[in-house]
Structures are given as C-alpha cells and as structure tokens.
C-alpha cells in the first residue's frame, strides 16, 4: 500500500499557491478540490489537489481552422 500524504490548508497554500481563505470558501460552497475531515481538522491529499488542478486546466484548441 502506498503512503498517503495529507496536507493542512497552510501546506496546500505553500505548495500549490491556493490561499487558505479561498480553500475555506470553496469548502463552504461545495467547490474546489476534495478534502478530508478528521474531527475538526481539514486535510487534503496531494493526489486530490493535483487531480483537481489537472481537471481545472483549460486546454486551448490548436485547430486554427475553427478560429474564423
């Protein structure tokens, strides 16, 4: 079984540049990356953050014929 890295919101901010206040707002709105509640503690798996970032990426079209 692989090791799961659980990050605090402060660690997510340091590592990924997502402010703690933004993460908190998203949690209250049901948005943003998946998180884990351990009692009153909030933790994020690094894999969930990276998956959410990948799914949030906007990939521009390289098809120049549709730009007309």
PDB file of N, CA and C in Angstrom:
ATOM      1  N   UNK A   1       0.839  -1.170   0.000  1.00  0.00           N
ATOM      2  CA  UNK A   1       0.000   0.000   0.000  1.00  0.00           C
ATOM      3  C   UNK A   1       0.891   1.242   0.000  1.00  0.00           C
ATOM      4  N   UNK A   2       0.540   2.228  -0.850  1.00  0.00           N
ATOM      5  CA  UNK A   2       1.375   3.421  -0.951  1.00  0.00           C
ATOM      6  C   UNK A   2       1.041   4.415   0.168  1.00  0.00           C
ATOM      7  N   UNK A   3       2.009   5.222   0.492  1.00  0.00           N
ATOM      8  CA  UNK A   3       1.854   6.211   1.554  1.00  0.00           C
ATOM      9  C   UNK A   3       0.998   7.378   1.057  1.00  0.00           C
ATOM     10  N   UNK A   4       0.033   7.802   1.852  1.00  0.00           N
ATOM     11  CA  UNK A   4      -0.841   8.917   1.505  1.00  0.00           C
ATOM     12  C   UNK A   4      -0.342  10.153   2.247  1.00  0.00           C
ATOM     13  N   UNK A   5      -0.099  11.211   1.504  1.00  0.00           N
ATOM     14  CA  UNK A   5       0.378  12.452   2.093  1.00  0.00           C
ATOM     15  C   UNK A   5      -0.817  13.361   2.341  1.00  0.00           C
ATOM     16  N   UNK A   6      -1.088  13.661   3.617  1.00  0.00           N
ATOM     17  CA  UNK A   6      -2.183  14.558   3.985  1.00  0.00           C
ATOM     18  C   UNK A   6      -1.604  15.925   4.294  1.00  0.00           C
ATOM     19  N   UNK A   7      -2.153  16.946   3.643  1.00  0.00           N
ATOM     20  CA  UNK A   7      -1.662  18.307   3.793  1.00  0.00           C
ATOM     21  C   UNK A   7      -2.666  19.172   4.539  1.00  0.00           C
ATOM     22  N   UNK A   8      -2.175  20.059   5.381  1.00  0.00           N
ATOM     23  CA  UNK A   8      -3.028  21.051   6.012  1.00  0.00           C
ATOM     24  C   UNK A   8      -3.340  22.128   4.962  1.00  0.00           C
ATOM     25  N   UNK A   9      -4.383  22.934   5.198  1.00  0.00           N
ATOM     26  CA  UNK A   9      -4.630  24.037   4.263  1.00  0.00           C
ATOM     27  C   UNK A   9      -3.418  24.968   4.118  1.00  0.00           C
ATOM     28  N   UNK A  10      -2.677  25.195   5.198  1.00  0.00           N
ATOM     29  CA  UNK A  10      -1.474  26.038   5.120  1.00  0.00           C
ATOM     30  C   UNK A  10      -0.424  25.407   4.207  1.00  0.00           C
ATOM     31  N   UNK A  11      -0.279  24.084   4.278  1.00  0.00           N
ATOM     32  CA  UNK A  11       0.679  23.394   3.411  1.00  0.00           C
ATOM     33  C   UNK A  11       0.232  23.432   1.954  1.00  0.00           C
ATOM     34  N   UNK A  12      -1.077  23.348   1.727  1.00  0.00           N
ATOM     35  CA  UNK A  12      -1.598  23.451   0.353  1.00  0.00           C
ATOM     36  C   UNK A  12      -1.276  24.840  -0.206  1.00  0.00           C
ATOM     37  N   UNK A  13      -1.443  25.857   0.634  1.00  0.00           N
ATOM     38  CA  UNK A  13      -1.124  27.222   0.192  1.00  0.00           C
ATOM     39  C   UNK A  13       0.354  27.342  -0.170  1.00  0.00           C
ATOM     40  N   UNK A  14       1.218  26.817   0.674  1.00  0.00           N
ATOM     41  CA  UNK A  14       2.664  26.889   0.413  1.00  0.00           C
ATOM     42  C   UNK A  14       3.047  26.119  -0.844  1.00  0.00           C
ATOM     43  N   UNK A  15       2.508  24.921  -0.983  1.00  0.00           N
ATOM     44  CA  UNK A  15       2.933  24.037  -2.070  1.00  0.00           C
ATOM     45  C   UNK A  15       2.291  24.388  -3.407  1.00  0.00           C
ATOM     46  N   UNK A  16       0.991  24.762  -3.383  1.00  0.00           N
ATOM     47  CA  UNK A  16       0.259  24.964  -4.636  1.00  0.00           C
ATOM     48  C   UNK A  16      -0.195  26.392  -4.868  1.00  0.00           C
ATOM     49  N   UNK A  17       0.000  27.283  -3.888  1.00  0.00           N
ATOM     50  CA  UNK A  17      -0.372  28.673  -4.062  1.00  0.00           C
ATOM     51  C   UNK A  17      -1.871  28.949  -3.959  1.00  0.00           C
ATOM     52  N   UNK A  18      -2.629  28.029  -3.366  1.00  0.00           N
ATOM     53  CA  UNK A  18      -4.066  28.222  -3.166  1.00  0.00           C
ATOM     54  C   UNK A  18      -4.273  28.756  -1.754  1.00  0.00           C
ATOM     55  N   UNK A  19      -4.696  30.015  -1.627  1.00  0.00           N
ATOM     56  CA  UNK A  19      -4.821  30.619  -0.292  1.00  0.00           C
ATOM     57  C   UNK A  19      -5.773  29.844   0.625  1.00  0.00           C
ATOM     58  N   UNK A  20      -5.411  29.788   1.902  1.00  0.00           N
ATOM     59  CA  UNK A  20      -6.247  29.090   2.894  1.00  0.00           C
ATOM     60  C   UNK A  20      -7.668  29.613   2.901  1.00  0.00           C
ATOM     61  N   UNK A  21      -7.833  30.934   2.806  1.00  0.00           N
ATOM     62  CA  UNK A  21      -9.177  31.527   2.824  1.00  0.00           C
ATOM     63  C   UNK A  21      -9.991  31.092   1.606  1.00  0.00           C
ATOM     64  N   UNK A  22      -9.341  30.967   0.467  1.00  0.00           N
ATOM     65  CA  UNK A  22     -10.028  30.504  -0.737  1.00  0.00           C
ATOM     66  C   UNK A  22     -10.462  29.056  -0.560  1.00  0.00           C
ATOM     67  N   UNK A  23      -9.576  28.219  -0.038  1.00  0.00           N
ATOM     68  CA  UNK A  23      -9.927  26.819   0.207  1.00  0.00           C
ATOM     69  C   UNK A  23     -11.115  26.731   1.162  1.00  0.00           C
ATOM     70  N   UNK A  24     -11.104  27.544   2.202  1.00  0.00           N
ATOM     71  CA  UNK A  24     -12.203  27.551   3.168  1.00  0.00           C
ATOM     72  C   UNK A  24     -13.516  27.963   2.499  1.00  0.00           C
ATOM     73  N   UNK A  25     -13.464  28.996   1.688  1.00  0.00           N
ATOM     74  CA  UNK A  25     -14.655  29.460   0.970  1.00  0.00           C
ATOM     75  C   UNK A  25     -15.186  28.373   0.047  1.00  0.00           C
ATOM     76  N   UNK A  26     -14.287  27.721  -0.683  1.00  0.00           N
ATOM     77  CA  UNK A  26     -14.713  26.648  -1.586  1.00  0.00           C
ATOM     78  C   UNK A  26     -15.360  25.500  -0.819  1.00  0.00           C
ATOM     79  N   UNK A  27     -14.805  25.146   0.342  1.00  0.00           N
ATOM     80  CA  UNK A  27     -15.396  24.060   1.132  1.00  0.00           C
ATOM     81  C   UNK A  27     -16.828  24.393   1.518  1.00  0.00           C
ATOM     82  N   UNK A  28     -17.058  25.631   1.932  1.00  0.00           N
ATOM     83  CA  UNK A  28     -18.402  26.039   2.344  1.00  0.00           C
ATOM     84  C   UNK A  28     -19.380  26.075   1.168  1.00  0.00           C
ATOM     85  N   UNK A  29     -18.846  26.276  -0.030  1.00  0.00           N
ATOM     86  CA  UNK A  29     -19.685  26.330  -1.236  1.00  0.00           C
ATOM     87  C   UNK A  29     -19.770  25.000  -1.972  1.00  0.00           C
ATOM     88  N   UNK A  30     -19.061  23.997  -1.477  1.00  0.00           N
ATOM     89  CA  UNK A  30     -19.065  22.694  -2.135  1.00  0.00           C
ATOM     90  C   UNK A  30     -18.268  22.680  -3.427  1.00  0.00           C
ATOM     91  N   UNK A  31     -17.238  23.507  -3.495  1.00  0.00           N
ATOM     92  CA  UNK A  31     -16.404  23.599  -4.689  1.00  0.00           C
ATOM     93  C   UNK A  31     -14.966  23.233  -4.333  1.00  0.00           C
ATOM     94  N   UNK A  32     -14.100  23.326  -5.329  1.00  0.00           N
ATOM     95  CA  UNK A  32     -12.673  23.112  -5.093  1.00  0.00           C
ATOM     96  C   UNK A  32     -12.303  21.648  -5.001  1.00  0.00           C
ATOM     97  N   UNK A  33     -11.068  21.406  -4.578  1.00  0.00           N
ATOM     98  CA  UNK A  33     -10.561  20.028  -4.502  1.00  0.00           C
ATOM     99  C   UNK A  33     -11.208  19.246  -3.358  1.00  0.00           C
ATOM    100  N   UNK A  34     -11.204  17.924  -3.502  1.00  0.00           N
ATOM    101  CA  UNK A  34     -11.701  17.043  -2.442  1.00  0.00           C
ATOM    102  C   UNK A  34     -10.854  17.231  -1.191  1.00  0.00           C
ATOM    103  N   UNK A  35     -11.498  17.079  -0.042  1.00  0.00           N
ATOM    104  CA  UNK A  35     -10.794  17.209   1.234  1.00  0.00           C
ATOM    105  C   UNK A  35     -11.323  16.157   2.205  1.00  0.00           C
ATOM    106  N   UNK A  36     -10.603  16.014   3.297  1.00  0.00           N
ATOM    107  CA  UNK A  36     -10.940  15.026   4.315  1.00  0.00           C
ATOM    108  C   UNK A  36     -11.148  15.755   5.637  1.00  0.00           C
ATOM    109  N   UNK A  37     -12.219  15.401   6.355  1.00  0.00           N
ATOM    110  CA  UNK A  37     -12.459  15.949   7.697  1.00  0.00           C
ATOM    111  C   UNK A  37     -12.098  14.872   8.708  1.00  0.00           C
ATOM    112  N   UNK A  38     -11.201  15.207   9.600  1.00  0.00           N
ATOM    113  CA  UNK A  38     -10.805  14.328  10.699  1.00  0.00           C
ATOM    114  C   UNK A  38     -11.201  15.051  11.980  1.00  0.00           C
ATOM    115  N   UNK A  39     -12.427  14.816  12.410  1.00  0.00           N
ATOM    116  CA  UNK A  39     -12.957  15.613  13.515  1.00  0.00           C
ATOM    117  C   UNK A  39     -13.132  17.034  13.027  1.00  0.00           C
ATOM    118  N   UNK A  40     -12.433  17.967  13.663  1.00  0.00           N
ATOM    119  CA  UNK A  40     -12.487  19.365  13.244  1.00  0.00           C
ATOM    120  C   UNK A  40     -11.364  19.723  12.276  1.00  0.00           C
ATOM    121  N   UNK A  41     -10.448  18.787  12.056  1.00  0.00           N
ATOM    122  CA  UNK A  41      -9.298  19.051  11.186  1.00  0.00           C
ATOM    123  C   UNK A  41      -9.661  18.829   9.727  1.00  0.00           C
ATOM    124  N   UNK A  42      -9.154  19.694   8.865  1.00  0.00           N
ATOM    125  CA  UNK A  42      -9.325  19.563   7.423  1.00  0.00           C
ATOM    126  C   UNK A  42      -7.968  19.200   6.834  1.00  0.00           C
ATOM    127  N   UNK A  43      -7.967  18.176   5.998  1.00  0.00           N
ATOM    128  CA  UNK A  43      -6.739  17.748   5.336  1.00  0.00           C
ATOM    129  C   UNK A  43      -7.021  17.496   3.859  1.00  0.00           C
ATOM    130  N   UNK A  44      -5.992  17.671   3.057  1.00  0.00           N
ATOM    131  CA  UNK A  44      -6.073  17.441   1.617  1.00  0.00           C
ATOM    132  C   UNK A  44      -5.032  16.404   1.224  1.00  0.00           C
ATOM    133  N   UNK A  45      -5.430  15.471   0.373  1.00  0.00           N
ATOM    134  CA  UNK A  45      -4.457  14.546  -0.203  1.00  0.00           C
ATOM    135  C   UNK A  45      -3.805  15.238  -1.389  1.00  0.00           C
ATOM    136  N   UNK A  46      -2.503  15.162  -1.491  1.00  0.00           N
ATOM    137  CA  UNK A  46      -1.802  15.813  -2.598  1.00  0.00           C
ATOM    138  C   UNK A  46      -2.305  15.291  -3.936  1.00  0.00           C
ATOM    139  N   UNK A  47      -2.643  14.011  -4.015  1.00  0.00           N
ATOM    140  CA  UNK A  47      -3.162  13.442  -5.269  1.00  0.00           C
ATOM    141  C   UNK A  47      -4.490  14.094  -5.657  1.00  0.00           C
ATOM    142  N   UNK A  48      -5.350  14.405  -4.661  1.00  0.00           N
ATOM    143  CA  UNK A  48      -6.630  15.060  -4.953  1.00  0.00           C
ATOM    144  C   UNK A  48      -6.421  16.483  -5.454  1.00  0.00           C
ATOM    145  N   UNK A  49      -5.469  17.193  -4.877  1.00  0.00           N
ATOM    146  CA  UNK A  49      -5.165  18.557  -5.324  1.00  0.00           C
ATOM    147  C   UNK A  49      -4.681  18.520  -6.773  1.00  0.00           C
ATOM    148  N   UNK A  50      -3.757  17.611  -7.066  1.00  0.00           N
ATOM    149  CA  UNK A  50      -3.200  17.538  -8.415  1.00  0.00           C
ATOM    150  C   UNK A  50      -4.247  17.105  -9.439  1.00  0.00           C
ATOM    151  N   UNK A  51      -5.130  16.188  -9.057  1.00  0.00           N
ATOM    152  CA  UNK A  51      -6.216  15.776  -9.949  1.00  0.00           C
ATOM    153  C   UNK A  51      -7.147  16.950 -10.218  1.00  0.00           C
ATOM    154  N   UNK A  52      -7.518  17.710  -9.176  1.00  0.00           N
ATOM    155  CA  UNK A  52      -8.401  18.857  -9.323  1.00  0.00           C
ATOM    156  C   UNK A  52      -7.753  19.916 -10.213  1.00  0.00           C
ATOM    157  N   UNK A  53      -6.460  20.164 -10.022  1.00  0.00           N
ATOM    158  CA  UNK A  53      -5.760  21.136 -10.860  1.00  0.00           C
ATOM    159  C   UNK A  53      -5.756  20.691 -12.314  1.00  0.00           C
ATOM    160  N   UNK A  54      -5.509  19.405 -12.541  1.00  0.00           N
ATOM    161  CA  UNK A  54      -5.489  18.887 -13.908  1.00  0.00           C
ATOM    162  C   UNK A  54      -6.862  19.025 -14.564  1.00  0.00           C
ATOM    163  N   UNK A  55      -7.921  18.720 -13.826  1.00  0.00           N
ATOM    164  CA  UNK A  55      -9.273  18.831 -14.373  1.00  0.00           C
ATOM    165  C   UNK A  55      -9.693  20.276 -14.578  1.00  0.00           C
ATOM    166  N   UNK A  56      -9.061  21.198 -13.866  1.00  0.00           N
ATOM    167  CA  UNK A  56      -9.393  22.618 -13.987  1.00  0.00           C
ATOM    168  C   UNK A  56      -8.637  23.304 -15.120  1.00  0.00           C
ATOM    169  N   UNK A  57      -7.663  22.605 -15.673  1.00  0.00           N
ATOM    170  CA  UNK A  57      -6.845  23.203 -16.729  1.00  0.00           C
ATOM    171  C   UNK A  57      -7.677  23.454 -17.977  1.00  0.00           C
ATOM    172  N   UNK A  58      -7.441  24.598 -18.586  1.00  0.00           N
ATOM    173  CA  UNK A  58      -8.083  24.934 -19.860  1.00  0.00           C
ATOM    174  C   UNK A  58      -7.065  24.655 -20.944  1.00  0.00           C
ATOM    175  N   UNK A  59      -7.460  23.799 -21.839  1.00  0.00           N
ATOM    176  CA  UNK A  59      -6.549  23.412 -22.916  1.00  0.00           C
ATOM    177  C   UNK A  59      -7.018  24.072 -24.212  1.00  0.00           C
ATOM    178  N   UNK A  60      -6.280  25.094 -24.686  1.00  0.00           N
ATOM    179  CA  UNK A  60      -6.692  25.777 -25.898  1.00  0.00           C
ATOM    180  C   UNK A  60      -6.632  24.862 -27.112  1.00  0.00           C
ATOM    181  N   UNK A  61      -7.503  25.144 -28.035  1.00  0.00           N
ATOM    182  CA  UNK A  61      -7.546  24.365 -29.263  1.00  0.00           C
ATOM    183  C   UNK A  61      -6.382  24.791 -30.159  1.00  0.00           C
ATOM    184  N   UNK A  62      -5.756  23.837 -30.771  1.00  0.00           N
ATOM    185  CA  UNK A  62      -4.688  24.130 -31.748  1.00  0.00           C
ATOM    186  C   UNK A  62      -5.232  24.128 -33.168  1.00  0.00           C
ATOM    187  N   UNK A  63      -6.544  23.983 -33.303  1.00  0.00           N
ATOM    188  CA  UNK A  63      -7.182  23.928 -34.609  1.00  0.00           C
ATOM    189  C   UNK A  63      -7.437  25.346 -35.111  1.00  0.00           C
ATOM    190  N   UNK A  64      -6.557  25.832 -35.990  1.00  0.00           N
ATOM    191  CA  UNK A  64      -6.656  27.204 -36.493  1.00  0.00           C
ATOM    192  C   UNK A  64      -7.841  27.395 -37.423  1.00  0.00           C
ATOM    193  N   UNK A  65      -8.349  26.318 -38.034  1.00  0.00           N
ATOM    194  CA  UNK A  65      -9.463  26.447 -38.972  1.00  0.00           C
ATOM    195  C   UNK A  65     -10.752  26.842 -38.272  1.00  0.00           C
ATOM    196  N   UNK A  66     -10.871  26.591 -36.971  1.00  0.00           N
ATOM    197  CA  UNK A  66     -12.104  26.942 -36.242  1.00  0.00           C
ATOM    198  C   UNK A  66     -12.030  28.345 -35.655  1.00  0.00           C
ATOM    199  N   UNK A  67     -10.919  29.061 -35.863  1.00  0.00           N
ATOM    200  CA  UNK A  67     -10.755  30.386 -35.301  1.00  0.00           C
ATOM    201  C   UNK A  67     -11.391  31.475 -36.166  1.00  0.00           C
ATOM    202  N   UNK A  68     -11.955  31.141 -37.249  1.00  0.00           N
ATOM    203  CA  UNK A  68     -12.508  32.136 -38.181  1.00  0.00           C
ATOM    204  C   UNK A  68     -13.737  32.813 -37.700  1.00  0.00           C
TER     205      UNK A  68
END
